Protein backbone atom coordinates (compact mmCIF):
# COMPACT_ATOMS: atom_id res chain seq x y z
CA MET A 1 32.20 -15.52 -35.42
CA ALA A 2 31.24 -17.33 -38.36
CA ALA A 3 27.79 -18.87 -38.13
CA GLN A 4 28.11 -22.51 -37.53
CA THR A 5 26.19 -25.35 -39.29
CA LEU A 6 25.48 -29.03 -38.22
CA SER A 7 27.61 -31.68 -39.75
CA GLU A 8 25.72 -34.47 -41.60
CA VAL A 9 26.72 -36.73 -38.84
CA ALA A 10 25.20 -34.23 -36.34
CA ASP A 11 22.13 -33.89 -38.13
CA THR A 12 21.79 -37.72 -38.25
CA HIS A 13 22.17 -37.95 -34.36
CA TRP A 14 19.92 -34.99 -33.60
CA SER A 15 17.35 -36.91 -35.87
CA ALA A 16 17.73 -39.88 -34.14
CA THR A 17 17.69 -38.81 -30.45
CA GLN A 18 14.42 -37.66 -28.88
CA ARG A 19 14.96 -34.39 -26.62
CA SER A 20 14.00 -34.60 -22.83
CA VAL A 21 11.36 -32.29 -22.34
CA ASP A 22 10.33 -30.56 -19.01
CA SER A 23 6.38 -30.55 -19.35
CA LYS A 24 6.23 -27.83 -16.63
CA VAL A 25 5.61 -24.49 -17.99
CA VAL A 26 7.79 -21.83 -15.92
CA ASP A 27 6.45 -18.33 -15.51
CA ASN A 28 9.29 -15.80 -16.40
CA TYR A 29 6.75 -12.90 -17.22
CA PHE A 30 4.26 -12.00 -14.62
CA LYS A 31 5.22 -10.23 -11.06
CA ARG A 32 3.50 -10.97 -7.85
CA VAL A 33 0.23 -9.59 -7.18
CA SER A 34 0.79 -8.80 -3.60
CA THR A 35 -2.00 -6.14 -3.04
CA LEU A 36 -4.84 -8.35 -4.85
CA ASP A 37 -3.74 -11.36 -3.27
CA LYS A 38 -4.02 -9.78 0.22
CA MET A 39 -7.77 -8.27 -0.58
CA ARG A 40 -8.55 -11.77 -1.86
CA LYS A 41 -7.42 -13.67 1.17
CA SER A 42 -8.28 -11.44 4.10
CA ALA A 43 -11.35 -9.39 5.46
CA LEU A 44 -11.11 -6.76 2.89
CA GLN A 45 -12.90 -8.79 0.43
CA VAL A 46 -16.50 -8.55 0.11
CA THR A 47 -18.52 -11.04 -2.21
CA ASP A 48 -21.71 -9.69 -3.80
CA THR A 49 -24.54 -11.67 -5.43
CA GLY A 50 -25.42 -8.89 -7.96
CA GLY A 51 -27.07 -5.51 -8.13
CA ARG A 52 -26.24 -2.46 -10.24
CA GLY A 53 -24.32 -0.81 -7.82
CA ILE A 54 -23.01 -0.79 -4.17
CA GLN A 55 -24.29 1.58 -1.74
CA VAL A 56 -22.52 2.38 1.46
CA THR A 57 -24.27 4.39 4.44
CA ALA A 58 -22.15 6.62 6.67
CA ARG A 59 -22.56 8.79 9.51
CA LEU A 60 -20.94 12.08 8.58
CA SER A 61 -21.92 14.22 11.37
CA GLY A 62 -23.37 14.35 14.88
CA GLY A 63 -26.13 15.68 16.99
CA PHE A 64 -26.32 18.53 19.84
CA ALA A 65 -25.72 18.23 23.34
CA ASP A 66 -25.67 21.04 26.39
CA SER A 67 -26.42 21.49 29.81
CA PHE A 68 -29.70 22.79 31.13
CA ASP A 69 -31.57 23.61 34.40
CA SER A 70 -35.24 24.50 35.34
CA TYR A 71 -37.42 25.93 32.43
CA ASP A 72 -34.49 26.56 30.12
CA GLU A 73 -35.69 26.43 26.38
CA LEU A 74 -33.85 23.42 24.96
CA ASN A 75 -32.44 23.14 21.26
CA LYS A 76 -35.03 21.21 19.18
CA ALA A 77 -33.44 21.69 15.78
CA PRO A 78 -33.34 18.48 13.61
CA ILE A 79 -30.25 16.82 12.40
CA ASN A 80 -29.30 14.63 9.24
CA PRO A 81 -26.18 12.90 10.25
CA VAL A 82 -26.33 9.97 7.56
CA GLN A 83 -25.27 9.92 3.84
CA SER A 84 -25.01 7.39 1.17
CA ALA A 85 -22.06 6.86 -0.98
CA PHE A 86 -22.58 4.82 -4.25
CA TYR A 87 -20.11 3.20 -6.40
CA SER A 88 -20.50 1.33 -10.09
CA LYS A 89 -19.69 -2.17 -10.35
CA ARG A 90 -16.37 -2.53 -12.82
CA TYR A 91 -15.73 -5.30 -15.24
CA TYR A 92 -12.64 -6.91 -16.44
CA TYR A 93 -11.82 -9.38 -19.05
CA SER A 94 -9.08 -11.06 -20.66
CA PRO A 95 -9.43 -13.24 -23.85
CA ILE A 96 -8.62 -17.20 -24.17
CA ILE A 97 -8.52 -18.09 -27.66
CA LEU A 98 -7.24 -21.19 -29.69
CA SER A 99 -7.93 -22.42 -33.09
CA ASP A 100 -9.08 -25.96 -33.66
CA THR A 101 -6.06 -26.70 -35.92
CA GLU A 102 -3.80 -25.80 -33.14
CA SER A 103 -6.09 -27.69 -30.67
CA TRP A 104 -6.01 -30.68 -32.85
CA GLU A 105 -2.12 -30.78 -33.11
CA ASN A 106 -1.92 -30.26 -29.28
CA THR A 107 -2.83 -33.91 -28.67
CA GLY A 108 -1.51 -37.52 -28.40
CA ALA A 109 2.26 -38.49 -27.85
CA GLN A 110 3.14 -35.44 -29.42
CA LYS A 111 1.31 -33.10 -26.75
CA ARG A 112 4.04 -31.78 -24.34
CA PHE A 113 1.77 -29.65 -22.29
CA ASP A 114 -1.82 -28.65 -22.04
CA GLU A 115 -1.84 -25.47 -24.38
CA LEU A 116 -5.76 -24.43 -23.72
CA LYS A 117 -4.80 -24.88 -19.96
CA GLU A 118 -1.63 -22.45 -20.50
CA LEU A 119 -3.60 -20.16 -22.37
CA GLY A 120 -6.39 -20.13 -19.39
CA GLU A 121 -3.77 -19.46 -16.74
CA VAL A 122 -2.09 -16.60 -18.85
CA ALA A 123 -5.43 -15.08 -18.83
CA MET A 124 -6.13 -15.23 -15.29
CA GLU A 125 -2.66 -13.91 -14.57
CA THR A 126 -3.17 -10.92 -17.09
CA ILE A 127 -6.37 -9.95 -15.56
CA LEU A 128 -5.04 -10.33 -12.09
CA ALA A 129 -2.13 -7.95 -12.99
CA ALA A 130 -4.42 -5.24 -14.53
CA ILE A 131 -6.45 -5.03 -11.35
CA ASN A 132 -3.47 -5.01 -8.96
CA ALA A 133 -2.19 -2.30 -10.96
CA ASP A 134 -5.45 -0.25 -10.83
CA PHE A 135 -5.17 -0.57 -6.97
CA TYR A 136 -2.39 2.29 -7.71
CA THR A 137 -3.78 4.24 -10.56
CA ALA A 138 -6.47 6.84 -10.12
CA GLN A 139 -9.83 5.86 -11.65
CA ALA A 140 -10.10 6.42 -15.35
CA GLY A 141 -12.76 5.31 -18.08
CA LYS A 142 -14.36 1.88 -16.64
CA ASN A 143 -11.83 0.92 -14.20
CA MET A 144 -12.19 0.75 -10.58
CA LEU A 145 -11.26 3.29 -7.92
CA GLY A 146 -7.84 2.68 -6.72
CA PHE A 147 -5.77 4.02 -3.60
CA PRO A 148 -5.05 7.39 -5.35
CA ASP A 149 -8.96 7.85 -5.31
CA ILE A 150 -9.96 6.69 -1.91
CA ILE A 151 -6.72 7.46 0.04
CA ALA A 152 -5.90 10.56 -1.75
CA ASP A 153 -2.83 12.61 -2.11
CA ALA A 154 -4.64 16.07 -1.76
CA ALA A 155 -7.89 16.96 -0.09
CA GLY A 156 -11.24 17.71 -1.83
CA ALA A 157 -12.07 14.48 -3.69
CA THR A 158 -15.42 13.55 -4.23
CA ILE A 159 -15.77 9.47 -3.64
CA GLY A 160 -19.05 7.81 -3.79
CA GLY A 161 -20.93 11.21 -4.84
CA ILE A 162 -19.73 12.89 -1.37
CA ASN A 163 -17.68 15.76 -1.61
CA SER A 164 -15.07 15.86 1.16
CA SER A 165 -14.46 19.52 0.63
CA THR A 166 -18.12 20.05 1.96
CA THR A 167 -18.18 17.26 4.31
CA THR A 168 -14.58 17.19 6.17
CA LYS A 169 -15.32 13.78 7.94
CA TRP A 170 -15.11 12.17 4.68
CA GLU A 171 -11.59 13.00 3.94
CA ASN A 172 -8.49 10.73 4.42
CA GLN A 173 -5.51 11.26 6.62
CA ARG A 174 -2.19 12.48 4.78
CA GLN A 175 1.44 13.36 5.55
CA THR A 176 3.29 15.07 2.88
CA SER A 177 6.68 16.16 4.56
CA ALA A 178 9.39 14.93 2.07
CA LYS A 179 11.63 12.75 4.45
CA THR A 180 14.69 10.23 4.03
CA PHE A 181 13.47 7.19 5.53
CA LEU A 182 17.07 6.32 6.83
CA THR A 183 18.01 10.00 7.73
CA GLN A 184 18.27 10.38 11.52
CA THR A 185 17.02 13.81 12.69
CA THR A 186 17.70 12.51 16.16
CA THR A 187 20.29 9.93 17.17
CA ASN A 188 19.24 6.41 16.39
CA ILE A 189 15.51 7.50 15.43
CA PHE A 190 15.01 7.29 11.50
CA ASP A 191 12.83 9.72 9.86
CA GLY A 192 10.69 7.17 8.07
CA LEU A 193 9.69 5.49 11.47
CA THR A 194 8.70 8.87 12.84
CA GLN A 195 6.59 9.57 9.61
CA TRP A 196 4.92 6.36 9.73
CA ASN A 197 4.13 6.91 13.45
CA LEU A 198 2.50 10.65 12.53
CA LEU A 199 0.51 8.88 9.89
CA LEU A 200 -0.77 5.96 12.27
CA ASP A 201 -1.54 8.46 14.97
CA ASP A 202 -3.71 10.60 12.72
CA CYS A 203 -5.59 7.35 11.47
CA HIS A 204 -6.11 6.37 15.29
CA LYS A 205 -7.36 9.80 16.18
CA ASN A 206 -10.10 9.76 13.85
CA LYS A 207 -11.32 6.17 14.59
CA GLY A 208 -9.20 4.31 12.47
CA ARG A 209 -7.51 1.05 13.29
CA PRO A 210 -5.04 0.43 9.96
CA LYS A 211 -3.89 -3.27 9.94
CA LEU A 212 -2.14 -3.40 6.46
CA LEU A 213 0.72 -0.88 5.16
CA PHE A 214 1.19 -0.93 1.47
CA THR A 215 4.23 0.52 0.10
CA THR A 216 7.30 0.32 -2.31
CA TYR A 217 10.07 -2.07 -2.18
CA SER A 218 12.41 0.75 -1.85
CA ILE A 219 10.97 1.89 1.21
CA VAL A 220 10.48 -1.76 2.94
CA GLY A 221 14.13 -2.01 1.84
CA ALA A 222 14.92 1.23 4.05
CA TYR A 223 12.69 0.00 6.63
CA ARG A 224 14.50 -3.62 6.95
CA ILE A 225 17.91 -1.50 7.12
CA ALA A 226 16.30 0.63 9.88
CA LEU A 227 15.44 -2.44 12.04
CA SER A 228 18.93 -4.03 11.41
CA SER A 229 20.85 -1.06 12.59
CA GLN A 230 21.85 0.58 15.92
CA GLY A 231 19.00 1.48 18.04
CA TYR A 232 17.00 -1.05 16.37
CA ALA A 233 18.42 -4.57 17.01
CA ARG A 234 16.15 -7.39 16.33
CA THR A 235 18.31 -10.28 17.60
CA THR A 236 19.92 -11.29 20.84
CA VAL A 237 23.46 -13.03 21.37
CA GLU A 238 21.40 -16.29 21.95
CA ASP A 239 19.38 -16.26 18.85
CA ALA A 240 21.61 -14.28 16.57
CA GLY A 241 22.24 -17.39 14.30
CA GLY A 242 23.40 -16.41 10.86
CA GLY A 243 21.96 -12.84 10.93
CA VAL A 244 19.28 -10.95 11.53
CA GLY A 245 16.01 -13.21 12.52
CA GLY A 246 12.37 -12.78 12.16
CA SER A 247 10.19 -11.86 9.15
CA ARG A 248 11.62 -10.44 5.92
CA ASN A 249 8.94 -7.74 6.23
CA PRO A 250 8.27 -7.24 9.97
CA ASP A 251 5.21 -5.66 11.07
CA PHE A 252 5.20 -1.88 12.27
CA TYR A 253 3.70 -2.58 15.41
CA ASP A 254 0.32 -4.27 14.37
CA LEU A 255 0.51 -3.51 10.89
CA GLU A 256 1.41 -6.03 8.16
CA VAL A 257 3.91 -4.45 5.77
CA ILE A 258 3.56 -5.34 2.33
CA PRO A 259 5.99 -4.41 -0.52
CA GLU A 260 4.44 -3.91 -3.73
CA VAL A 261 5.80 -3.44 -7.31
CA ASP A 262 3.13 -1.34 -8.66
CA CYS A 263 3.07 1.13 -5.77
CA THR A 264 3.57 4.72 -6.56
CA ALA A 265 6.98 5.85 -5.73
CA LEU A 266 7.41 7.61 -2.60
CA HIS A 267 4.12 6.39 -1.19
CA CYS A 268 2.83 4.45 1.62
CA TYR A 269 -0.95 3.57 2.20
CA MET A 270 -2.14 2.64 5.63
CA VAL A 271 -5.53 0.69 5.20
CA ASP A 272 -8.09 -0.30 7.72
CA PRO A 273 -9.93 -3.20 7.05
CA ASP A 274 -13.08 -2.18 8.40
CA ALA A 275 -13.09 1.08 6.29
CA PHE A 276 -11.78 -0.12 2.94
CA LYS A 277 -13.52 -3.00 1.08
CA PHE A 278 -12.90 -4.73 -2.19
CA HIS A 279 -16.07 -6.13 -3.51
CA VAL A 280 -16.22 -8.70 -5.91
CA MET A 281 -19.24 -10.26 -7.71
CA ARG A 282 -20.17 -13.99 -6.84
CA ASN A 283 -20.74 -14.76 -10.60
CA VAL A 284 -17.98 -12.82 -11.99
CA ASN A 285 -15.20 -14.04 -9.58
CA PHE A 286 -12.49 -14.45 -11.62
CA ARG A 287 -13.95 -17.24 -13.79
CA LYS A 288 -13.80 -18.35 -17.24
CA THR A 289 -17.04 -17.86 -19.49
CA PRO A 290 -17.96 -21.05 -21.60
CA PHE A 291 -16.05 -21.49 -25.15
CA VAL A 292 -17.91 -20.49 -28.10
CA SER A 293 -17.16 -21.23 -31.58
CA LEU A 294 -16.03 -18.57 -34.09
CA GLN A 295 -17.59 -20.48 -36.93
CA SER A 296 -19.97 -17.94 -37.43
CA ASN A 297 -16.87 -15.49 -38.17
CA GLY A 298 -15.82 -18.00 -40.72
CA GLN A 299 -13.11 -19.20 -38.38
CA LEU A 300 -12.33 -22.44 -36.91
CA ALA A 301 -11.53 -21.32 -33.36
CA GLN A 302 -12.89 -21.48 -29.60
CA LEU A 303 -12.93 -18.31 -27.86
CA ALA A 304 -13.94 -17.80 -23.83
CA TYR A 305 -12.82 -14.90 -21.59
CA MET A 306 -11.67 -14.79 -17.96
CA VAL A 307 -13.78 -12.12 -16.38
CA ALA A 308 -13.85 -10.34 -12.91
CA GLY A 309 -16.70 -7.64 -11.63
CA VAL A 310 -15.17 -6.06 -8.89
CA GLN A 311 -15.03 -2.59 -7.10
CA SER A 312 -13.00 -0.63 -4.24
CA THR A 313 -15.30 1.04 -1.63
CA THR A 314 -14.86 2.86 1.51
CA ARG A 315 -17.39 3.62 4.40
CA ALA A 316 -14.91 5.72 6.38
CA ARG A 317 -12.19 7.59 4.27
CA ARG A 318 -11.03 9.52 7.32
CA ALA A 319 -9.62 5.76 8.89
CA ASN A 320 -7.11 5.35 6.15
CA GLY A 321 -4.02 7.27 5.36
CA VAL A 322 -1.16 8.21 2.65
CA HIS A 323 2.24 9.31 3.23
CA THR A 324 3.32 10.99 -0.23
CA ALA A 325 6.99 11.85 0.19
CA ILE A 326 9.24 9.23 1.75
CA THR A 327 12.53 8.34 -0.14
CA GLY A 328 13.64 4.60 0.28
CA VAL A 329 16.85 3.20 -0.99
């Protein structure tokens, strides 16, 4: 098809008529940061006032008890049940920069939206997205610890300086059997629910009380199908209405089920809020630094940074669990 050009009449009309401009900027780029939102709005977040790092003290062994009578010689060997785990603070940034000429032009009647405010919001969304993704990435460089570190796929990790190969009570729970969520090994009993039950019991046996289940949209989709199928009906004739009722992502017993785009394929993480913490520094709490001029660089522009000081920590790895091989839909 040949390229079309405007006629003189159309050009005149275009020049004579002002556009109707919607001043709201609509985000079509960033995704939801479900994991970070849950961390920041729940008991998992801890706010620190400062300090070079974070120390967590954990009891990782017990004592000795036995029966005795009369003049039996009793055990008097000393015990050393407590160890400390140490975590480094991690810092993230995203720049906000605007030239003076662009700032001058973004004023008056011609201003359609606040460009500087928009750049600040993009910096915030960018830093949130980076940290959210790092929850599902093994620690590298100066990044924070993620679920793959603290709730690891394989045994033997050293977290906080404590080696779980030699200190076995510092090991997290895991299930690794490859299962398809919607397969029914027993009639009306879905393999995915069976595997979640096994992992949940593993955590409970080790004094854990997981309250959050982070997983993929594929697995959550299979979970919804299972709950809507024979043997897992969620409605009655009286309340059926237009279809399946209740929450879009129903709780699994007392665990909130949270789908996450960044979650590693096939994985499900059960998190105990008492055992897993997300530390945020109070004075670097997703805030903007003051704008400074770049005139010393020979540039007429203003620069600031969105910054966050964070770290993931655990005080009881064994209270958390991961399933590494569930296929969803």
